[in-house]
């Protein structure tokens, strides 16, 4: 399976989890889909090392001022911890993931 298929599989898992109200699984699958995209970006552009794991990669991307602000903000929301009341800063993790994945796909085109 190639990296694009893996991204689609994770996004499908996120959508499925959203359909049954499993917010934690939505967030996890959204993060994984972004991690797969960022791994491919790092493979093709070795100078862009954001991190070794999905959360580290999201934090690295959020801190990279050479990428568009909407991408950095989406990465920051996805990497953030839950609040004490278990709320995520990412109101729509799938949308945030798609913002980042679209950015990566454009960079790799």
C-alpha atoms as a PDB file:
ATOM      1  CA  UNK A   1       0.000   0.000   0.000  1.00  0.00           C
ATOM      2  CA  UNK A   2       1.418   3.413  -0.906  1.00  0.00           C
ATOM      3  CA  UNK A   3       1.436   6.454   1.359  1.00  0.00           C
ATOM      4  CA  UNK A   4      -1.560   8.096  -0.334  1.00  0.00           C
ATOM      5  CA  UNK A   5      -3.634   4.956   0.184  1.00  0.00           C
ATOM      6  CA  UNK A   6      -2.583   4.921   3.841  1.00  0.00           C
ATOM      7  CA  UNK A   7      -3.732   8.530   4.216  1.00  0.00           C
ATOM      8  CA  UNK A   8      -7.091   7.694   2.657  1.00  0.00           C
ATOM      9  CA  UNK A   9      -7.463   4.673   4.936  1.00  0.00           C
ATOM     10  CA  UNK A  10      -6.839   6.800   8.045  1.00  0.00           C
ATOM     11  CA  UNK A  11      -9.228   9.512   6.863  1.00  0.00           C
ATOM     12  CA  UNK A  12     -11.884   6.853   6.233  1.00  0.00           C
ATOM     13  CA  UNK A  13     -11.342   5.578   9.779  1.00  0.00           C
ATOM     14  CA  UNK A  14     -11.732   9.131  11.062  1.00  0.00           C
ATOM     15  CA  UNK A  15     -14.982   9.589   9.132  1.00  0.00           C
ATOM     16  CA  UNK A  16     -16.297   6.265  10.410  1.00  0.00           C
ATOM     17  CA  UNK A  17     -15.443   7.201  13.993  1.00  0.00           C
ATOM     18  CA  UNK A  18     -17.111  10.595  13.540  1.00  0.00           C
ATOM     19  CA  UNK A  19     -20.246   8.834  12.371  1.00  0.00           C
ATOM     20  CA  UNK A  20     -20.540   6.984  15.658  1.00  0.00           C
ATOM     21  CA  UNK A  21     -19.426   9.830  17.912  1.00  0.00           C
ATOM     22  CA  UNK A  22     -15.956   8.553  18.811  1.00  0.00           C
ATOM     23  CA  UNK A  23     -14.144  11.915  19.009  1.00  0.00           C
ATOM     24  CA  UNK A  24     -10.915  10.411  20.345  1.00  0.00           C
ATOM     25  CA  UNK A  25     -10.641   8.010  17.426  1.00  0.00           C
ATOM     26  CA  UNK A  26     -11.435  10.806  14.980  1.00  0.00           C
ATOM     27  CA  UNK A  27      -8.580  12.853  16.385  1.00  0.00           C
ATOM     28  CA  UNK A  28      -6.161   9.930  16.422  1.00  0.00           C
ATOM     29  CA  UNK A  29      -6.881   8.919  12.825  1.00  0.00           C
ATOM     30  CA  UNK A  30      -6.699  12.537  11.654  1.00  0.00           C
ATOM     31  CA  UNK A  31      -3.299  12.880  13.323  1.00  0.00           C
ATOM     32  CA  UNK A  32      -2.099   9.619  11.785  1.00  0.00           C
ATOM     33  CA  UNK A  33      -3.166  10.707   8.302  1.00  0.00           C
ATOM     34  CA  UNK A  34      -1.169  13.911   8.670  1.00  0.00           C
ATOM     35  CA  UNK A  35       1.804  12.004  10.034  1.00  0.00           C
ATOM     36  CA  UNK A  36       1.859   9.784   6.956  1.00  0.00           C
ATOM     37  CA  UNK A  37       1.812  12.852   4.694  1.00  0.00           C
ATOM     38  CA  UNK A  38       4.552  14.572   6.688  1.00  0.00           C
ATOM     39  CA  UNK A  39       6.719  11.449   6.614  1.00  0.00           C
ATOM     40  CA  UNK A  40       6.551  11.520   2.820  1.00  0.00           C
ATOM     41  CA  UNK A  41       7.342  15.244   2.786  1.00  0.00           C
ATOM     42  CA  UNK A  42      10.365  14.638   5.020  1.00  0.00           C
ATOM     43  CA  UNK A  43      11.482  11.745   2.851  1.00  0.00           C
ATOM     44  CA  UNK A  44      11.442  13.907  -0.268  1.00  0.00           C
ATOM     45  CA  UNK A  45      12.763  17.056   1.419  1.00  0.00           C
ATOM     46  CA  UNK A  46      15.287  15.836   4.010  1.00  0.00           C
ATOM     47  CA  UNK A  47      15.972  19.418   5.103  1.00  0.00           C
ATOM     48  CA  UNK A  48      12.386  19.561   6.439  1.00  0.00           C
ATOM     49  CA  UNK A  49      12.626  17.445   9.547  1.00  0.00           C
ATOM     50  CA  UNK A  50       9.606  18.146  11.701  1.00  0.00           C
ATOM     51  CA  UNK A  51       9.856  15.227  14.084  1.00  0.00           C
ATOM     52  CA  UNK A  52      10.062  11.485  14.495  1.00  0.00           C
ATOM     53  CA  UNK A  53       6.473  10.793  15.533  1.00  0.00           C
ATOM     54  CA  UNK A  54       3.128  12.238  14.507  1.00  0.00           C
ATOM     55  CA  UNK A  55       2.818  14.633  17.438  1.00  0.00           C
ATOM     56  CA  UNK A  56       6.397  15.842  17.053  1.00  0.00           C
ATOM     57  CA  UNK A  57       5.803  16.348  13.346  1.00  0.00           C
ATOM     58  CA  UNK A  58       2.658  18.366  14.029  1.00  0.00           C
ATOM     59  CA  UNK A  59       4.512  20.521  16.570  1.00  0.00           C
ATOM     60  CA  UNK A  60       7.371  21.052  14.141  1.00  0.00           C
ATOM     61  CA  UNK A  61       5.000  22.024  11.348  1.00  0.00           C
ATOM     62  CA  UNK A  62       3.103  24.393  13.657  1.00  0.00           C
ATOM     63  CA  UNK A  63       6.387  26.156  14.430  1.00  0.00           C
ATOM     64  CA  UNK A  64       7.563  26.437  10.806  1.00  0.00           C
ATOM     65  CA  UNK A  65       6.899  30.028   9.727  1.00  0.00           C
ATOM     66  CA  UNK A  66       7.776  29.185   6.131  1.00  0.00           C
ATOM     67  CA  UNK A  67       4.404  27.447   5.705  1.00  0.00           C
ATOM     68  CA  UNK A  68       1.060  29.263   5.384  1.00  0.00           C
ATOM     69  CA  UNK A  69      -0.628  30.373   8.576  1.00  0.00           C
ATOM     70  CA  UNK A  70      -3.734  28.230   8.047  1.00  0.00           C
ATOM     71  CA  UNK A  71      -1.512  25.134   7.863  1.00  0.00           C
ATOM     72  CA  UNK A  72       0.393  26.109  11.019  1.00  0.00           C
ATOM     73  CA  UNK A  73      -2.846  26.787  12.899  1.00  0.00           C
ATOM     74  CA  UNK A  74      -4.355  23.459  11.807  1.00  0.00           C
ATOM     75  CA  UNK A  75      -1.191  21.663  12.956  1.00  0.00           C
ATOM     76  CA  UNK A  76      -1.264  23.498  16.270  1.00  0.00           C
ATOM     77  CA  UNK A  77      -4.890  22.546  16.894  1.00  0.00           C
ATOM     78  CA  UNK A  78      -4.252  18.893  16.049  1.00  0.00           C
ATOM     79  CA  UNK A  79      -1.167  18.600  18.236  1.00  0.00           C
ATOM     80  CA  UNK A  80      -2.688  20.315  21.262  1.00  0.00           C
ATOM     81  CA  UNK A  81      -3.630  18.363  24.352  1.00  0.00           C
ATOM     82  CA  UNK A  82      -7.208  18.095  25.481  1.00  0.00           C
ATOM     83  CA  UNK A  83      -8.429  20.699  27.946  1.00  0.00           C
ATOM     84  CA  UNK A  84      -9.146  19.690  31.562  1.00  0.00           C
ATOM     85  CA  UNK A  85     -12.767  19.213  30.462  1.00  0.00           C
ATOM     86  CA  UNK A  86     -11.567  16.842  27.687  1.00  0.00           C
ATOM     87  CA  UNK A  87     -12.253  19.249  24.826  1.00  0.00           C
ATOM     88  CA  UNK A  88      -9.974  19.439  21.827  1.00  0.00           C
ATOM     89  CA  UNK A  89      -8.826  22.770  20.381  1.00  0.00           C
ATOM     90  CA  UNK A  90      -9.545  21.142  17.011  1.00  0.00           C
ATOM     91  CA  UNK A  91     -13.291  21.380  16.533  1.00  0.00           C
ATOM     92  CA  UNK A  92     -12.989  19.455  13.271  1.00  0.00           C
ATOM     93  CA  UNK A  93      -9.862  17.246  13.212  1.00  0.00           C
ATOM     94  CA  UNK A  94     -10.680  15.862   9.754  1.00  0.00           C
ATOM     95  CA  UNK A  95     -10.858  19.352   8.292  1.00  0.00           C
ATOM     96  CA  UNK A  96      -7.595  20.304  10.019  1.00  0.00           C
ATOM     97  CA  UNK A  97      -5.964  17.160   8.653  1.00  0.00           C
ATOM     98  CA  UNK A  98      -7.187  17.950   5.141  1.00  0.00           C
ATOM     99  CA  UNK A  99      -5.729  21.476   5.316  1.00  0.00           C
ATOM    100  CA  UNK A 100      -2.315  20.002   6.106  1.00  0.00           C
ATOM    101  CA  UNK A 101      -2.560  17.101   3.656  1.00  0.00           C
ATOM    102  CA  UNK A 102      -3.564  19.478   0.839  1.00  0.00           C
ATOM    103  CA  UNK A 103      -0.529  21.621   1.639  1.00  0.00           C
ATOM    104  CA  UNK A 104       1.772  18.574   1.538  1.00  0.00           C
ATOM    105  CA  UNK A 105       0.282  17.284  -1.713  1.00  0.00           C
ATOM    106  CA  UNK A 106       0.846  20.672  -3.353  1.00  0.00           C
ATOM    107  CA  UNK A 107       4.456  20.714  -2.153  1.00  0.00           C
ATOM    108  CA  UNK A 108       5.035  17.223  -3.547  1.00  0.00           C
ATOM    109  CA  UNK A 109       3.328  17.844  -6.900  1.00  0.00           C
END
